[in-house]
Amino acid sequence: MNFKRLVLGVALMLSMTFVAQEKGDFNGFAGLTYPLTSGSDLGITAGVEYVFAEKFSAAPSFTYYTTSGVTNTQFDIDARYYLGDESFNWFLTAGLVINSASASGGGVSVSTSETGFAGGAGAMFSISESLDLLATVKYNSNIEGVVPMVGVSFGF
């Protein structure tokens, strides 16, 4: 029953499309990430976005988590589908997530990597012609939790 509601909700959101960014736009974004799971650490995220169709963009990003004694990183390859208008542009996002962690001590080095999927939604609120406040919330299958990110998006 929950899956049917999810499909219905997504269908309703897709039916209410307005204007998105223009094809060919290239933007950068940066922000802070904090997974809502126990024992999480603050992450610093940076990425780029390329709008390849009127309402679709590709947005790869890299996150470095401030875990003490461990190198913990995440690489996202997301697709975004834009809804809304120029002053408040919101989007649905989904993509591939690669989490990596490594630690070394006493001459021994251990590393692991896990690939999964993430999906969610985000919004951009226009501050100026080339600067937006950015907020996203995604579910990450690797950590089995919700990962919000708050930052800025800027045009090149």
Protein backbone atom coordinates (compact mmCIF):
# COMPACT_ATOMS: atom_id res chain seq x y z
CA MET A 1 0.00 0.00 0.00
CA ASN A 2 2.85 2.44 0.79
CA PHE A 3 4.44 1.71 -2.59
CA LYS A 4 1.17 2.60 -4.35
CA ARG A 5 1.05 5.89 -2.45
CA LEU A 6 4.65 6.63 -3.39
CA VAL A 7 3.94 5.97 -7.08
CA LEU A 8 0.81 8.13 -6.93
CA GLY A 9 2.70 10.96 -5.20
CA VAL A 10 5.51 10.89 -7.76
CA ALA A 11 2.98 10.86 -10.62
CA LEU A 12 1.21 13.89 -9.14
CA MET A 13 4.46 15.79 -8.71
CA LEU A 14 5.52 15.04 -12.28
CA SER A 15 2.17 16.25 -13.59
CA MET A 16 2.66 19.70 -11.98
CA THR A 17 5.77 20.74 -13.94
CA PHE A 18 6.48 24.35 -14.74
CA VAL A 19 9.74 25.90 -15.94
CA ALA A 20 13.21 24.61 -15.09
CA GLN A 21 16.72 25.81 -15.77
CA GLU A 22 17.79 26.35 -19.35
CA LYS A 23 19.48 23.63 -21.38
CA GLY A 24 23.26 24.03 -21.36
CA ASP A 25 23.52 25.67 -17.91
CA PHE A 26 26.58 24.61 -15.94
CA ASN A 27 26.56 25.18 -12.15
CA GLY A 28 28.65 24.34 -9.13
CA PHE A 29 27.34 23.60 -5.65
CA ALA A 30 28.77 23.15 -2.17
CA GLY A 31 27.31 22.49 1.24
CA LEU A 32 27.23 20.59 4.51
CA THR A 33 25.84 17.07 4.84
CA TYR A 34 24.80 15.23 7.98
CA PRO A 35 23.36 11.67 7.69
CA LEU A 36 20.47 11.11 10.10
CA THR A 37 21.80 7.81 11.43
CA SER A 38 23.46 7.12 14.78
CA GLY A 39 27.19 7.75 14.93
CA SER A 40 27.19 10.02 11.87
CA ASP A 41 29.74 12.71 11.16
CA LEU A 42 29.45 16.04 9.38
CA GLY A 43 30.26 15.95 5.68
CA ILE A 44 31.52 18.61 3.27
CA THR A 45 30.00 18.26 -0.21
CA ALA A 46 31.05 19.80 -3.52
CA GLY A 47 29.77 19.07 -7.00
CA VAL A 48 28.84 20.27 -10.46
CA GLU A 49 25.62 20.20 -12.40
CA TYR A 50 25.00 20.23 -16.13
CA VAL A 51 21.48 20.80 -17.48
CA PHE A 52 21.32 18.57 -20.57
CA ALA A 53 17.60 18.93 -21.31
CA GLU A 54 14.95 21.50 -20.39
CA LYS A 55 14.05 19.81 -17.07
CA PHE A 56 16.84 17.24 -16.60
CA SER A 57 20.39 17.59 -15.29
CA ALA A 58 23.31 15.44 -14.20
CA ALA A 59 24.82 16.38 -10.84
CA PRO A 60 27.86 14.38 -9.68
CA SER A 61 29.20 15.29 -6.24
CA PHE A 62 31.87 14.29 -3.75
CA THR A 63 31.45 14.31 0.05
CA TYR A 64 34.23 14.07 2.61
CA TYR A 65 33.08 13.10 6.12
CA THR A 66 35.01 14.42 9.11
CA THR A 67 35.42 11.03 10.77
CA SER A 68 38.31 10.93 13.25
CA GLY A 69 41.01 8.39 12.31
CA VAL A 70 39.13 7.16 9.22
CA THR A 71 38.94 8.48 5.67
CA ASN A 72 35.24 8.30 4.87
CA THR A 73 34.04 9.57 1.47
CA GLN A 74 30.98 9.38 -0.75
CA PHE A 75 30.66 9.88 -4.51
CA ASP A 76 27.17 10.52 -5.93
CA ILE A 77 26.14 10.46 -9.57
CA ASP A 78 22.65 11.97 -9.57
CA ALA A 79 20.06 12.85 -12.16
CA ARG A 80 17.68 15.69 -11.34
CA TYR A 81 14.21 16.39 -12.71
CA TYR A 82 13.23 20.04 -12.19
CA LEU A 83 9.82 21.39 -11.23
CA GLY A 84 8.81 24.86 -10.05
CA ASP A 85 9.85 28.24 -11.38
CA GLU A 86 12.93 30.46 -11.48
CA SER A 87 12.54 31.95 -7.98
CA PHE A 88 11.78 28.63 -6.25
CA ASN A 89 13.00 25.70 -8.32
CA TRP A 90 12.53 22.29 -6.73
CA PHE A 91 13.54 18.90 -8.10
CA LEU A 92 13.41 15.14 -7.72
CA THR A 93 16.75 13.38 -7.66
CA ALA A 94 17.96 9.80 -7.97
CA GLY A 95 21.28 8.17 -8.64
CA LEU A 96 24.19 5.94 -7.84
CA VAL A 97 26.12 6.26 -4.54
CA ILE A 98 29.60 4.91 -3.82
CA ASN A 99 30.69 5.01 -0.16
CA SER A 100 34.34 4.33 0.70
CA ALA A 101 36.11 4.10 4.04
CA SER A 102 39.73 3.40 4.87
CA ALA A 103 41.81 3.37 8.03
CA SER A 104 45.41 2.59 8.83
CA GLY A 105 47.30 2.03 12.02
CA GLY A 106 50.14 -0.08 13.29
CA GLY A 107 51.32 -0.84 9.76
CA VAL A 108 47.94 -2.28 8.76
CA SER A 109 45.63 -0.60 6.28
CA VAL A 110 41.97 -1.55 5.83
CA SER A 111 39.56 -0.21 3.22
CA THR A 112 36.06 -0.97 2.06
CA SER A 113 33.70 0.32 -0.61
CA GLU A 114 29.96 -0.10 -1.12
CA THR A 115 27.75 0.86 -4.06
CA GLY A 116 24.06 1.63 -3.72
CA PHE A 117 21.27 3.96 -4.75
CA ALA A 118 19.90 7.24 -3.44
CA GLY A 119 16.73 9.13 -4.17
CA GLY A 120 14.95 12.15 -2.82
CA ALA A 121 14.06 15.76 -3.47
CA GLY A 122 15.61 19.18 -3.26
CA ALA A 123 14.93 22.87 -3.70
CA MET A 124 16.79 25.95 -4.84
CA PHE A 125 15.73 29.42 -3.74
CA SER A 126 17.13 32.20 -5.91
CA ILE A 127 19.18 34.86 -4.09
CA SER A 128 20.56 36.51 -7.22
CA GLU A 129 20.88 35.72 -10.91
CA SER A 130 23.78 33.34 -10.35
CA LEU A 131 23.44 32.31 -6.67
CA ASP A 132 20.84 30.00 -5.09
CA LEU A 133 20.33 28.49 -1.65
CA LEU A 134 20.25 24.71 -2.08
CA ALA A 135 18.71 22.03 0.13
CA THR A 136 18.35 18.33 -0.60
CA VAL A 137 17.07 15.32 1.30
CA LYS A 138 17.91 11.86 -0.03
CA TYR A 139 17.53 8.32 1.18
CA ASN A 140 20.85 6.46 0.86
CA SER A 141 20.56 2.66 0.54
CA ASN A 142 24.18 2.11 1.68
CA ILE A 143 23.65 3.61 5.12
CA GLU A 144 19.92 2.84 5.13
CA GLY A 145 19.13 6.37 6.22
CA VAL A 146 18.17 9.88 5.23
CA VAL A 147 20.93 12.32 4.25
CA PRO A 148 20.08 16.05 4.16
CA MET A 149 22.42 18.63 2.59
CA VAL A 150 22.26 22.44 2.85
CA GLY A 151 24.41 24.74 0.78
CA VAL A 152 24.65 27.08 -2.20
CA SER A 153 24.50 26.63 -5.96
CA PHE A 154 26.33 29.10 -8.20
CA GLY A 155 26.44 29.61 -11.95
CA PHE A 156 29.66 29.75 -13.93
